[in-house]
Protein backbone atom coordinates (compact mmCIF):
# COMPACT_ATOMS: atom_id res chain seq x y z
CA MET A 1 -56.58 -85.74 83.69
CA SER A 2 -58.52 -88.69 82.20
CA GLU A 3 -56.88 -92.02 81.41
CA GLU A 4 -57.99 -91.73 77.75
CA TYR A 5 -56.20 -88.37 77.39
CA VAL A 6 -53.00 -89.75 78.92
CA GLN A 7 -53.18 -92.73 76.56
CA ASP A 8 -53.59 -90.41 73.54
CA ILE A 9 -50.49 -88.44 74.59
CA LYS A 10 -48.47 -91.65 74.90
CA GLU A 11 -49.59 -92.88 71.47
CA THR A 12 -48.80 -89.51 69.88
CA SER A 13 -45.37 -89.51 71.53
CA GLU A 14 -44.66 -93.00 70.20
CA VAL A 15 -45.59 -91.91 66.65
CA VAL A 16 -43.31 -88.86 66.84
CA ASN A 17 -40.45 -90.94 68.24
CA GLU A 18 -40.90 -93.50 65.48
CA ALA A 19 -40.83 -90.76 62.82
CA ASP A 20 -37.71 -89.20 64.37
CA LYS A 21 -35.74 -92.42 64.81
CA GLU A 22 -32.11 -91.91 63.81
CA GLY A 23 -29.25 -94.18 62.82
CA PHE A 24 -31.11 -96.09 60.09
CA LEU A 25 -31.29 -95.56 56.35
CA LEU A 26 -34.69 -94.78 54.85
CA LYS A 27 -36.50 -97.05 52.42
CA ILE A 28 -39.37 -96.05 50.09
CA ALA A 29 -42.41 -97.68 51.69
CA VAL A 30 -44.57 -100.24 49.89
CA GLY A 31 -47.46 -98.28 48.41
CA GLY A 32 -45.78 -95.03 49.43
CA ILE A 33 -44.27 -93.89 46.13
CA THR A 34 -45.80 -90.77 44.55
CA VAL A 35 -46.50 -90.23 40.86
CA GLU A 36 -43.75 -87.58 40.60
CA ASP A 37 -41.15 -89.95 42.02
CA PHE A 38 -42.47 -92.86 39.94
CA VAL A 39 -41.92 -90.79 36.81
CA LYS A 40 -38.23 -90.69 37.79
CA ARG A 41 -38.47 -94.49 37.95
CA LEU A 42 -37.80 -94.78 41.64
CA ASN A 43 -39.13 -98.05 43.04
CA GLU A 44 -40.65 -99.24 46.27
CA ASP A 45 -37.93 -100.57 48.59
CA ASP A 46 -35.26 -98.32 47.04
CA ILE A 47 -33.02 -97.29 49.94
CA LEU A 48 -32.04 -93.62 50.27
CA VAL A 49 -28.34 -93.66 51.15
CA ALA A 50 -27.14 -90.06 50.85
CA VAL A 51 -28.15 -86.50 50.02
CA ASP A 52 -25.54 -84.42 48.19
CA GLY A 53 -22.89 -87.00 49.00
CA LYS A 54 -23.51 -87.22 52.75
CA PRO A 55 -25.12 -90.38 54.22
CA TYR A 56 -28.58 -89.63 55.59
CA LEU A 57 -29.54 -91.34 58.86
CA ASP A 58 -31.79 -88.74 60.52
CA GLY A 59 -35.31 -90.05 59.84
CA PRO A 60 -38.10 -88.96 57.47
CA GLN A 61 -39.26 -85.91 59.44
CA ARG A 62 -35.89 -84.18 59.25
CA LEU A 63 -35.59 -85.09 55.57
CA ARG A 64 -38.26 -82.52 54.75
CA ASN A 65 -36.24 -79.81 56.49
CA LEU A 66 -33.19 -80.83 54.48
CA PHE A 67 -34.99 -79.84 51.29
CA MET A 68 -35.72 -76.33 52.55
CA ARG A 69 -33.95 -73.62 50.56
CA GLU A 70 -33.64 -69.90 51.08
CA GLU A 71 -35.14 -67.69 48.39
CA GLY A 72 -32.70 -67.40 45.51
CA GLU A 73 -30.85 -70.63 46.33
CA GLU A 74 -30.68 -73.33 43.66
CA SER A 75 -33.24 -76.07 44.25
CA LYS A 76 -31.35 -79.14 43.16
CA TRP A 77 -30.25 -82.19 45.13
CA LEU A 78 -28.18 -85.24 44.27
CA LEU A 79 -29.77 -88.26 45.93
CA THR A 80 -27.97 -91.58 46.19
CA PHE A 81 -30.05 -94.77 46.26
CA TYR A 82 -29.37 -98.47 46.69
CA ARG A 83 -31.26 -101.03 44.59
CA ASP A 84 -30.58 -104.72 43.98
CA GLY A 85 -26.98 -104.49 45.16
CA VAL A 86 -26.24 -101.36 43.12
CA VAL A 87 -25.63 -97.78 44.31
CA PHE A 88 -26.75 -95.06 41.89
CA ASP A 89 -27.52 -91.34 41.90
CA ILE A 90 -30.40 -89.21 40.68
CA LEU A 91 -30.84 -85.43 40.45
CA ILE A 92 -34.09 -83.88 41.65
CA GLU A 93 -35.29 -80.28 41.47
CA HIS A 94 -38.26 -80.74 43.81
CA PRO A 95 -38.32 -82.38 47.26
CA ILE A 96 -38.99 -86.10 47.14
CA GLN A 97 -42.59 -86.74 48.21
CA SER A 98 -42.73 -90.51 48.68
CA ALA A 99 -43.44 -92.05 52.08
CA PHE A 100 -40.47 -93.70 53.77
CA GLY A 101 -40.03 -96.54 56.19
CA TYR A 102 -36.82 -97.70 57.86
CA SER A 103 -34.21 -100.16 56.73
CA THR A 104 -33.21 -102.77 59.27
CA GLU A 105 -29.97 -102.39 61.21
CA ARG A 106 -28.44 -105.14 59.09
CA GLU A 107 -29.56 -103.50 55.83
CA THR A 108 -28.23 -100.15 56.99
CA GLN A 109 -24.80 -101.56 57.80
CA PHE A 110 -24.62 -103.57 54.57
CA VAL A 111 -25.65 -100.63 52.36
CA LEU A 112 -23.24 -98.22 54.07
CA GLU A 113 -20.42 -100.68 53.41
CA ALA A 114 -21.41 -100.78 49.73
CA PHE A 115 -21.60 -96.97 49.71
CA GLN A 116 -17.94 -96.70 50.71
CA LYS A 117 -17.04 -97.99 47.24
CA HIS A 118 -19.23 -95.39 45.52
CA ASN A 119 -17.24 -92.59 43.86
CA TYR A 120 -18.56 -89.13 43.05
CA GLY A 121 -17.51 -86.89 40.21
CA ASP A 122 -17.67 -83.10 40.14
CA PHE A 123 -21.16 -82.30 41.48
CA GLN A 124 -21.66 -79.46 38.98
CA SER A 125 -21.09 -81.90 36.09
CA TYR A 126 -23.93 -84.24 37.02
CA GLU A 127 -26.94 -84.59 34.75
CA ASN A 128 -29.85 -87.00 34.59
CA PHE A 129 -29.70 -89.67 31.91
CA GLU A 130 -32.89 -91.51 30.98
CA ILE A 131 -32.54 -95.16 30.06
CA TYR A 132 -35.06 -96.80 27.75
CA ARG A 133 -35.13 -100.59 27.42
CA ASN A 134 -36.97 -103.16 25.34
CA ASN A 135 -37.98 -106.67 26.38
CA ALA A 136 -34.76 -108.10 24.93
CA GLY A 137 -32.64 -105.97 27.29
CA GLN A 138 -31.41 -103.53 24.63
CA CYS A 139 -31.01 -100.09 26.21
CA ASP A 140 -30.74 -96.56 24.87
CA ILE A 141 -29.19 -93.87 27.09
CA LEU A 142 -30.61 -90.40 26.48
CA SER A 143 -28.92 -87.16 27.53
CA PHE A 144 -31.02 -84.01 27.50
CA LYS A 145 -28.30 -81.39 27.58
CA ASP A 146 -29.01 -78.55 25.16
CA ASP A 147 -27.25 -79.22 21.87
CA ALA A 148 -26.62 -76.17 19.67
CA LEU A 149 -26.44 -78.46 16.64
CA SER A 150 -30.22 -78.97 16.89
CA TRP A 151 -30.89 -75.45 15.58
CA ILE A 152 -27.66 -74.66 13.71
CA ILE A 153 -27.85 -77.72 11.43
CA PRO A 154 -30.97 -79.75 12.33
CA PRO A 155 -30.30 -82.63 9.86
CA LEU A 156 -26.89 -83.28 11.45
CA TRP A 157 -28.45 -83.29 14.92
CA LEU A 158 -31.08 -85.80 13.78
CA LEU A 159 -28.34 -87.93 12.21
CA LYS A 160 -26.21 -87.69 15.37
CA TYR A 161 -29.02 -89.19 17.46
CA ARG A 162 -30.10 -91.60 14.71
CA LEU A 163 -33.59 -90.14 14.42
CA TYR A 164 -34.03 -91.38 10.88
CA PRO A 165 -37.83 -90.92 10.35
CA PRO A 166 -37.83 -87.18 11.20
CA LEU A 167 -34.55 -86.80 9.31
CA ALA A 168 -36.21 -88.16 6.17
CA ALA A 169 -39.20 -85.83 6.65
CA VAL A 170 -36.95 -82.79 7.12
CA MET A 171 -34.90 -83.58 4.01
CA VAL A 172 -38.07 -83.97 1.93
CA LEU A 173 -39.34 -80.61 3.19
CA TYR A 174 -36.01 -78.97 2.39
CA LEU A 175 -36.07 -80.38 -1.14
CA LEU A 176 -39.68 -79.46 -1.88
CA THR A 177 -39.44 -75.90 -0.57
CA PHE A 178 -36.12 -75.31 -2.34
CA VAL A 179 -37.67 -76.37 -5.65
CA ILE A 180 -40.75 -74.20 -5.10
CA ASN A 181 -39.10 -70.99 -3.90
CA PHE A 182 -35.74 -70.15 -2.34
CA TYR A 183 -37.20 -67.70 0.20
CA PHE A 184 -39.84 -70.24 1.13
CA PHE A 185 -36.98 -72.70 1.70
CA ILE A 186 -35.20 -70.24 4.03
CA ALA A 187 -38.39 -69.59 6.01
CA THR A 188 -39.06 -73.33 6.32
CA ALA A 189 -35.48 -73.98 7.47
CA VAL A 190 -35.78 -71.31 10.18
CA VAL A 191 -39.13 -72.64 11.43
CA LEU A 192 -37.81 -76.22 11.51
CA ALA A 193 -34.67 -75.13 13.37
CA ILE A 194 -36.76 -73.40 16.06
CA TYR A 195 -39.13 -76.36 16.35
CA ILE A 196 -36.38 -78.98 16.62
CA LYS A 197 -34.48 -76.91 19.20
CA ARG A 198 -37.57 -76.66 21.41
CA ALA A 199 -38.73 -80.24 20.84
CA GLN A 200 -35.40 -82.08 20.93
CA ASN A 201 -36.11 -83.85 24.24
CA ASN A 202 -39.58 -84.97 23.19
CA LEU A 203 -38.28 -86.09 19.81
CA MET A 204 -35.68 -88.33 21.43
CA ARG A 205 -38.19 -89.78 23.89
CA SER A 206 -40.91 -90.31 21.29
CA PHE A 207 -38.83 -92.11 18.71
CA THR A 208 -37.14 -94.23 21.37
CA MET A 209 -40.55 -95.40 22.60
CA PHE A 210 -41.60 -95.85 18.96
CA GLU A 211 -39.00 -98.65 18.87
CA ASP A 212 -40.92 -100.50 21.63
CA LYS A 213 -38.70 -99.28 24.45
CA TYR A 214 -40.00 -98.14 27.83
CA HIS A 215 -38.56 -95.81 30.46
CA TYR A 216 -36.44 -98.18 32.53
CA MET A 217 -34.38 -95.95 34.86
CA THR A 218 -33.19 -92.42 35.46
CA VAL A 219 -29.56 -92.15 36.58
CA ALA A 220 -27.50 -89.06 37.36
CA ALA A 221 -23.86 -89.21 36.31
CA THR A 222 -21.10 -87.14 34.74
CA ASN A 223 -20.80 -89.36 31.66
CA GLU A 224 -22.55 -92.15 29.77
CA THR A 225 -19.89 -94.73 30.57
CA ASP A 226 -20.77 -94.66 34.28
CA VAL A 227 -24.46 -95.02 33.39
CA SER A 228 -23.68 -98.06 31.23
CA GLN A 229 -21.85 -99.73 34.11
CA ILE A 230 -24.77 -99.16 36.48
CA ILE A 231 -27.28 -100.57 33.99
CA ARG A 232 -25.22 -103.73 33.56
CA LYS A 233 -24.90 -104.16 37.32
CA ILE A 234 -28.67 -103.84 37.74
CA ASP A 235 -29.18 -106.58 35.14
CA PRO A 236 -26.24 -108.33 33.41
CA LYS A 237 -28.55 -109.08 30.46
CA ASN A 238 -28.81 -105.38 29.61
CA LYS A 239 -27.01 -104.34 26.42
CA ILE A 240 -26.22 -100.74 25.54
CA ARG A 241 -27.01 -99.74 21.96
CA PHE A 242 -24.65 -97.27 20.25
CA GLU A 243 -22.31 -97.34 23.24
CA LYS A 244 -19.44 -94.88 23.08
CA ASN A 245 -16.03 -96.52 23.18
CA VAL A 246 -14.19 -93.55 24.68
CA ALA A 247 -14.95 -92.57 28.27
CA LYS A 248 -14.94 -88.94 29.31
CA LYS A 249 -12.36 -87.98 31.89
CA ARG A 250 -13.73 -88.30 35.41
CA VAL A 251 -13.08 -85.59 37.96
CA GLU A 252 -12.93 -86.97 41.49
CA ILE A 253 -14.04 -84.75 44.36
CA THR A 254 -11.90 -84.48 47.45
CA LYS A 255 -14.71 -85.60 49.75
CA THR A 256 -13.79 -88.70 51.75
CA ILE A 257 -16.80 -91.01 51.83
CA GLU A 258 -15.59 -93.01 54.85
CA LYS A 259 -15.26 -89.80 56.90
CA ALA A 260 -18.73 -88.67 55.83
CA ILE A 261 -20.18 -91.98 57.00
CA ASP A 262 -18.39 -91.75 60.36
CA ASP A 263 -19.61 -88.18 60.84
CA ALA A 264 -23.19 -89.16 60.03
CA GLN A 265 -23.08 -92.09 62.44
CA ASP A 266 -21.58 -89.90 65.18
CA ASP A 267 -24.40 -87.37 64.68
CA GLY A 268 -26.98 -90.15 64.95
CA SER A 269 -25.50 -91.62 68.15
């Protein structure tokens, strides 16, 4: 066996061992973020802390296997990240594609300690909230849950989300068609209801960006109050516009985070 061949085997073995290294949290590599993950507003150097509530310390190669699902199983994962001293969650429906490096031992220990203070709600109640921010730090939090009001009474839905320009256009159309012909008014109302129901997400995004706001973060949570707290922790200058004063009741899961961390570390040792 030639010396070159032996050397190639050693180098390949070192690469595999490096990719399979356990006991360290993963960090999105510089230049390694994909377009799909960037759209979710993940950043380089974001540290992946947990998948579905369990700390992940098994290396990037095994992470791909973790996203494997049997046919018919729901493809949805709750990922927990650490950024700028803040732990936050995000829901994904497709496996994360970005390239990962490793956190240092010190970073891993520090982030896991911060993770112990992170509480989860009922996993089935999580949804992604998109946060849009302007240069002054004013933030809008958008929820994209289907709202029946959007097709039952479109003007009330537009008023609820303060979409005043399309609200004015809809009211003008209602008035004009009602004056012209009652049946024409009914047909117009039905068409508008269908359109607004299908376009409600794009309407909210478009008119938020129309106010010179950009997509700042995506955060998964069970309520807007938790999202507001995360945004303020990321940057104390952030201000939430139209913030709700009443918090929804949180449902705590029975999972013990400290035990999950210990189990993950035992598996990695």
